[in-house]
Structures are given as C-alpha cells and as structure tokens.
Protein backbone atom coordinates (compact mmCIF):
# COMPACT_ATOMS: atom_id res chain seq x y z
CA THR A 1 126.45 81.48 101.52
CA PHE A 2 122.71 81.65 102.18
CA THR A 3 119.58 82.98 100.48
CA VAL A 4 116.88 85.28 101.85
CA GLU A 5 114.54 82.30 102.28
CA GLU A 6 117.19 80.37 104.21
CA ALA A 7 117.85 83.39 106.43
CA VAL A 8 114.15 83.80 107.20
CA GLU A 9 113.90 80.09 108.01
CA THR A 10 116.88 80.33 110.37
CA ILE A 11 115.61 83.46 112.12
CA GLY A 12 112.24 81.83 112.71
CA PHE A 13 108.87 83.19 113.80
CA GLY A 14 108.84 85.90 116.47
CA ARG A 15 107.94 89.45 117.48
CA PHE A 16 108.72 90.92 114.07
CA HIS A 17 106.25 88.64 112.32
CA ILE A 18 103.52 89.33 114.86
CA MET A 19 104.03 93.08 114.35
CA LEU A 20 104.08 92.65 110.57
CA PHE A 21 100.93 90.51 110.69
CA LEU A 22 99.04 93.08 112.76
CA ILE A 23 100.07 96.08 110.67
CA MET A 24 99.55 94.46 107.28
CA GLY A 25 96.39 92.75 108.49
CA SER A 26 95.07 96.16 109.51
CA THR A 27 95.20 97.19 105.86
CA GLY A 28 92.39 94.65 105.43
CA VAL A 29 90.30 96.59 107.96
CA ALA A 30 90.88 99.87 106.11
CA GLU A 31 90.26 98.22 102.75
CA ALA A 32 87.01 96.55 103.85
CA MET A 33 85.70 99.80 105.33
CA GLU A 34 86.37 101.72 102.14
CA ILE A 35 84.88 99.03 99.88
CA MET A 36 81.81 98.32 102.05
CA LEU A 37 81.20 102.01 102.67
CA ILE A 38 79.18 102.36 99.47
CA ALA A 39 76.62 99.80 100.66
CA VAL A 40 75.70 101.92 103.70
CA VAL A 41 75.95 105.31 101.97
CA SER A 42 74.07 104.52 98.74
CA PRO A 43 70.53 104.88 100.18
CA LEU A 44 71.40 108.35 101.47
CA ILE A 45 73.03 109.73 98.33
CA ARG A 46 70.13 108.26 96.32
CA CYS A 47 67.74 110.53 98.24
CA GLU A 48 70.05 113.56 98.36
CA TRP A 49 70.77 113.62 94.63
CA GLN A 50 67.58 111.90 93.39
CA LEU A 51 69.48 109.05 91.74
CA GLN A 52 68.15 106.21 89.64
CA ASP A 53 69.05 102.58 90.27
CA TRP A 54 71.74 102.45 87.57
CA GLN A 55 73.38 105.58 88.97
CA VAL A 56 73.63 104.03 92.43
CA ALA A 57 75.03 100.83 90.96
CA LEU A 58 77.58 102.80 88.93
CA VAL A 59 79.23 104.04 92.13
CA THR A 60 80.16 100.51 93.20
CA THR A 61 81.17 99.61 89.66
CA MET A 62 83.56 102.56 89.44
CA VAL A 63 85.18 101.72 92.78
CA PHE A 64 86.11 98.28 91.49
CA PHE A 65 87.02 99.67 88.08
CA GLY A 66 89.54 101.95 89.80
CA TYR A 67 90.76 98.96 91.82
CA MET A 68 91.24 96.88 88.65
CA VAL A 69 93.07 99.51 86.61
CA PHE A 70 95.38 100.82 89.32
CA SER A 71 96.24 97.38 90.70
CA ILE A 72 97.94 96.69 87.36
CA VAL A 73 99.70 100.07 87.30
CA LEU A 74 100.80 99.96 90.94
CA GLY A 75 101.90 96.34 90.56
CA LEU A 76 104.27 97.32 87.76
CA LEU A 77 105.54 100.30 89.78
CA ALA A 78 106.07 98.08 92.83
CA ASP A 79 108.28 95.78 90.75
CA ARG A 80 110.34 98.75 89.63
CA TYR A 81 110.50 100.97 92.73
CA GLY A 82 109.84 98.56 95.60
CA ARG A 83 106.90 97.46 97.72
CA TRP A 84 107.54 99.96 100.53
CA LYS A 85 107.19 103.09 98.37
CA ILE A 86 104.07 101.88 96.60
CA LEU A 87 102.46 100.79 99.85
CA LEU A 88 103.07 104.22 101.39
CA LEU A 89 101.73 105.90 98.25
CA SER A 90 98.57 103.76 98.37
CA PHE A 91 97.94 104.66 102.04
CA LEU A 92 98.32 108.38 101.33
CA TRP A 93 96.30 108.17 98.12
CA ALA A 94 93.34 106.24 99.58
CA ALA A 95 93.12 108.41 102.71
CA TYR A 96 93.35 111.65 100.69
CA PHE A 97 90.65 110.80 98.16
CA SER A 98 88.44 109.24 100.82
CA LEU A 99 88.46 112.52 102.76
CA LEU A 100 87.79 114.46 99.55
CA THR A 101 84.75 112.27 98.89
CA SER A 102 83.10 113.58 102.04
CA PHE A 103 83.12 117.06 100.45
CA ALA A 104 81.79 115.92 97.05
CA PRO A 105 79.43 118.66 95.78
CA SER A 106 77.68 116.47 93.22
CA TYR A 107 77.06 112.91 92.11
CA ILE A 108 79.65 113.10 89.30
CA TRP A 109 82.36 114.20 91.74
CA PHE A 110 81.32 111.48 94.18
CA VAL A 111 81.68 108.75 91.53
CA PHE A 112 85.06 110.05 90.36
CA LEU A 113 86.50 110.36 93.87
CA ARG A 114 85.33 106.89 94.92
CA ALA A 115 86.96 105.44 91.79
CA MET A 116 90.20 107.10 92.90
CA VAL A 117 89.77 105.61 96.37
CA GLY A 118 89.44 102.19 94.77
CA GLY A 119 92.68 102.85 92.90
CA GLY A 120 94.49 103.75 96.11
CA VAL A 121 93.15 100.76 98.03
CA SER A 122 94.37 98.44 95.28
CA GLY A 123 97.95 99.33 96.21
CA HIS A 124 97.55 97.77 99.65
CA ALA A 125 97.75 94.34 98.06
CA GLN A 126 101.22 95.01 96.60
CA GLY A 127 102.78 95.08 100.05
CA ARG A 128 100.34 92.85 101.90
CA GLU A 129 100.84 89.81 99.66
CA GLU A 130 104.63 90.17 99.76
CA ASN A 131 104.71 90.34 103.55
CA ARG A 132 102.12 87.56 103.88
CA GLN A 133 104.57 85.33 102.02
CA ILE A 134 107.33 86.32 104.48
CA VAL A 135 105.10 85.32 107.40
CA ALA A 136 104.15 82.10 105.62
CA MET A 137 107.78 81.12 105.07
CA CYS A 138 108.41 80.62 108.75
CA SER A 139 104.95 80.03 110.18
CA TYR A 140 103.89 77.02 108.07
CA PHE A 141 100.49 76.06 109.47
CA ASN A 142 100.52 78.85 112.03
CA PRO A 143 96.96 80.04 112.81
CA PHE A 144 98.00 83.60 111.94
CA LEU A 145 97.54 82.82 108.25
CA SER A 146 93.91 81.82 108.78
CA LEU A 147 93.24 84.67 111.19
CA GLY A 148 94.26 87.13 108.48
CA LYS A 149 90.75 86.81 107.00
CA VAL A 150 89.29 88.14 110.26
CA PHE A 151 90.61 91.65 109.51
CA TRP A 152 88.37 92.05 106.45
CA LEU A 153 85.39 90.78 108.43
CA ALA A 154 86.19 93.18 111.28
CA GLY A 155 86.34 96.11 108.87
CA SER A 156 83.00 95.16 107.31
CA LEU A 157 81.30 94.85 110.69
CA LEU A 158 82.87 98.09 111.91
CA ILE A 159 81.61 100.20 109.01
CA ILE A 160 78.10 98.75 109.33
CA GLY A 161 78.09 99.42 113.07
CA LEU A 162 79.34 102.97 112.58
CA ALA A 163 76.75 103.62 109.87
CA SER A 164 73.91 102.64 112.20
CA VAL A 165 75.05 105.35 114.62
CA VAL A 166 76.57 108.06 112.42
CA ASN A 167 74.20 108.16 109.42
CA PRO A 168 71.01 109.01 111.40
CA THR A 169 72.81 111.61 113.55
CA ILE A 170 75.56 113.58 111.82
CA GLY A 171 75.19 112.23 108.28
CA TRP A 172 77.00 110.19 105.64
CA ARG A 173 79.73 112.75 105.03
CA TRP A 174 80.98 112.32 108.58
CA LEU A 175 80.78 108.55 108.18
CA ILE A 176 83.21 108.77 105.25
CA ARG A 177 85.57 110.96 107.30
CA ILE A 178 85.51 108.53 110.21
CA ALA A 179 86.05 105.58 107.84
CA SER A 180 89.28 107.17 106.59
CA ILE A 181 90.83 107.18 110.10
CA PRO A 182 92.21 103.59 109.94
CA GLY A 183 94.07 104.45 106.73
CA ILE A 184 95.54 107.56 108.33
CA LEU A 185 96.66 105.59 111.39
CA LEU A 186 98.40 103.08 109.12
CA ILE A 187 100.46 105.92 107.66
CA LEU A 188 101.67 106.77 111.18
CA VAL A 189 102.91 103.21 111.87
CA PHE A 190 104.32 102.74 108.38
CA LYS A 191 107.91 103.39 109.51
CA PHE A 192 107.86 100.01 111.27
CA ILE A 193 107.43 98.19 107.95
CA PRO A 194 110.75 97.46 106.19
CA GLU A 195 111.24 97.10 102.48
CA SER A 196 111.08 93.49 101.38
CA ALA A 197 114.47 91.78 101.59
CA ARG A 198 113.44 89.65 98.63
CA TYR A 199 112.80 92.76 96.57
CA ASN A 200 116.14 94.29 97.57
CA ILE A 201 118.10 91.17 96.71
CA SER A 202 116.29 90.88 93.36
CA THR A 203 117.54 94.37 92.45
CA GLY A 204 121.08 93.61 93.60
CA ASN A 205 120.88 95.72 96.78
CA VAL A 206 122.47 93.14 99.06
CA ALA A 207 123.34 95.66 101.79
CA ALA A 208 119.71 96.77 102.19
CA ALA A 209 118.53 93.15 102.23
CA MET A 210 121.06 92.30 104.95
CA ALA A 211 119.96 95.32 106.99
CA THR A 212 116.34 94.13 106.88
CA LEU A 213 117.27 90.57 107.83
CA ARG A 214 119.42 91.79 110.75
CA ARG A 215 116.51 93.93 111.95
CA ILE A 216 114.19 90.91 111.86
CA ALA A 217 116.74 88.77 113.71
CA LYS A 218 117.22 91.45 116.37
CA MET A 219 113.49 91.83 117.01
CA ASN A 220 113.06 88.06 117.20
CA GLY A 221 116.08 87.60 119.45
CA ALA A 222 117.57 85.22 116.89
CA VAL A 223 120.96 84.80 115.23
CA MET A 224 121.62 85.38 111.55
CA PRO A 225 123.00 82.43 109.58
CA GLU A 226 126.74 82.47 108.98
CA GLY A 227 128.15 83.32 105.57
CA VAL A 228 127.39 85.80 102.83
CA LEU A 229 123.93 86.59 101.45
CA ARG A 230 123.76 85.19 97.94
CA GLU A 231 121.99 86.90 95.07
CA PRO A 232 119.61 84.63 93.13
CA THR A 233 120.38 83.67 89.58
CA LYS A 234 119.00 86.31 87.24
CA GLU A 235 115.98 84.98 85.40
CA ARG A 236 113.65 86.50 82.84
CA ARG A 237 110.74 88.14 84.58
CA GLY A 238 107.19 87.13 83.78
CA ARG A 239 105.25 88.91 81.07
CA PHE A 240 101.52 89.33 80.54
CA LYS A 241 101.51 87.20 77.40
CA ASP A 242 102.82 84.29 79.49
CA LEU A 243 99.35 84.11 81.05
CA ILE A 244 97.77 83.28 77.70
CA HIS A 245 100.48 80.83 76.65
CA PRO A 246 98.91 77.42 75.84
CA LYS A 247 100.71 75.94 78.85
CA TYR A 248 98.95 78.28 81.32
CA LEU A 249 95.85 79.48 79.46
CA ARG A 250 93.43 77.02 81.07
CA THR A 251 94.63 77.88 84.58
CA THR A 252 94.57 81.61 83.80
CA LEU A 253 90.96 81.48 82.60
CA GLN A 254 89.87 79.41 85.60
CA ILE A 255 91.43 81.88 88.04
CA TRP A 256 89.91 84.89 86.24
CA ILE A 257 86.45 83.31 86.29
CA LEU A 258 86.77 82.42 89.99
CA TRP A 259 87.77 85.95 90.89
C-alpha cells in the first residue's frame, strides 16, 4: 500500500507541477490587482462623490472585512465540498462583483460591491494553499516556492501601471473592468486544475484520488508506485476552540498579531 504523500514523492516534480504553479500563482496576480485597485481609484471616487477621508478609508476597510468573513465561510465549505468547487466559485464570484463595481451608481453601492469582491478573492486561498503544499511535497527547496511571491508583486505593479494610463484617459470604471480580466482568464483555464487527491482520500473517495494521481504521473512521464492507495486513519478534525486551548493559545495570539 501507499499514501497520497508517498505517491507524490514517487511521481516527482515535473510538467504538472509547473502548470499548477503557474495557474495557482496567477491567482496572486488577480488577487493583488483587486486588492491594490482601491489605492489607485480612491482619489478619483473622492472627487466624483465628494467623499470625506473616513469614507475613502472605509472602502479599503470593507474590502478586507469581506475577505475576513468569507475566508472563514469558504474555508468551512471547502472542507465539506472540496477545494475545486470553492476555488471555481471564488473565481466566478470575484470577477462578477468586480465587473458590477464598475457600474456602481453611488458610493454606498461601491462600498458594498467591493466588500463582495473581497469575499470572492478570499476563496482563492482555499485552493492555492492546498496546491502549494502539493508542489512543496516534491520540490523541497525548489526556487518555485520563493518565486511564488513574485506573482503578487507583478499584480501590484500591473494595476499601478494600468492606472497611470487608463485613469487619465477613459476613467476609473474602465480600469476596474480591465482589472477583472485576469480573474476571467483563470476561469477559462480552471479545467486544468484537478481536485486535491488529499481531499478526495480524506472523504473516502479513493477512485477520484487515484485518477488525479495517475493524471499527475502521466503529465510528468512518471510511474505510479505499486500497490493500493491507502486511506489515512480517521482522526478528529480541528475545531476553532482548539486555537484557544492553553497548549496553543500563545502561538495563536502571536500569529494573529503578526497577520
């Protein structure tokens, strides 16, 4: 018998992981553009709607408020229904509400729609972190793990560069529409992302996990390990109150403060 981790180790690093890295890394570009968008749009909506300082600041606050709330909700749903479905939902959600923002008739609508965009973007992490762990399992100190941070930087630079050209010419509404294009493109390539084999095996779907592992092996030109895929021993899943247990409370507080 063998586990998912052992199968991934045997298959090794190859074309599949490069493709996965590029697609999932691209979610960082889309995420950075949506988050950083407010910085380059705020001066324009301030003038258009005669906003005070606190009203401009509230826009950014609500984006991250949406991110915080929906990351919890989508995380729970990802555990129940799988990473693939939630990741697809987050792509559709973020792109849809981002486009709607460009048609916002008032400040109140703008704030609400950007909060919803933040909620959609938060779902990207549910799939990205899972797949980052898959890449890490067989890449060890591979430079791909460090290069992953470049995607966020690229998205930030891209939105600033676009703003310098688009805002003075065709306006901030068109900038928002253009910024939603990376998210829409990700939806088109989404079929190349498989459901996590680790998620499938955790739910007892051994056949689906094997299908994913065979697909990875085929793309990498590798051979699957011999034997039968073994389901892990069922363990109690973590609960929120575990975070505030005396054993973990200090670490929990430190991580929260750092973030």
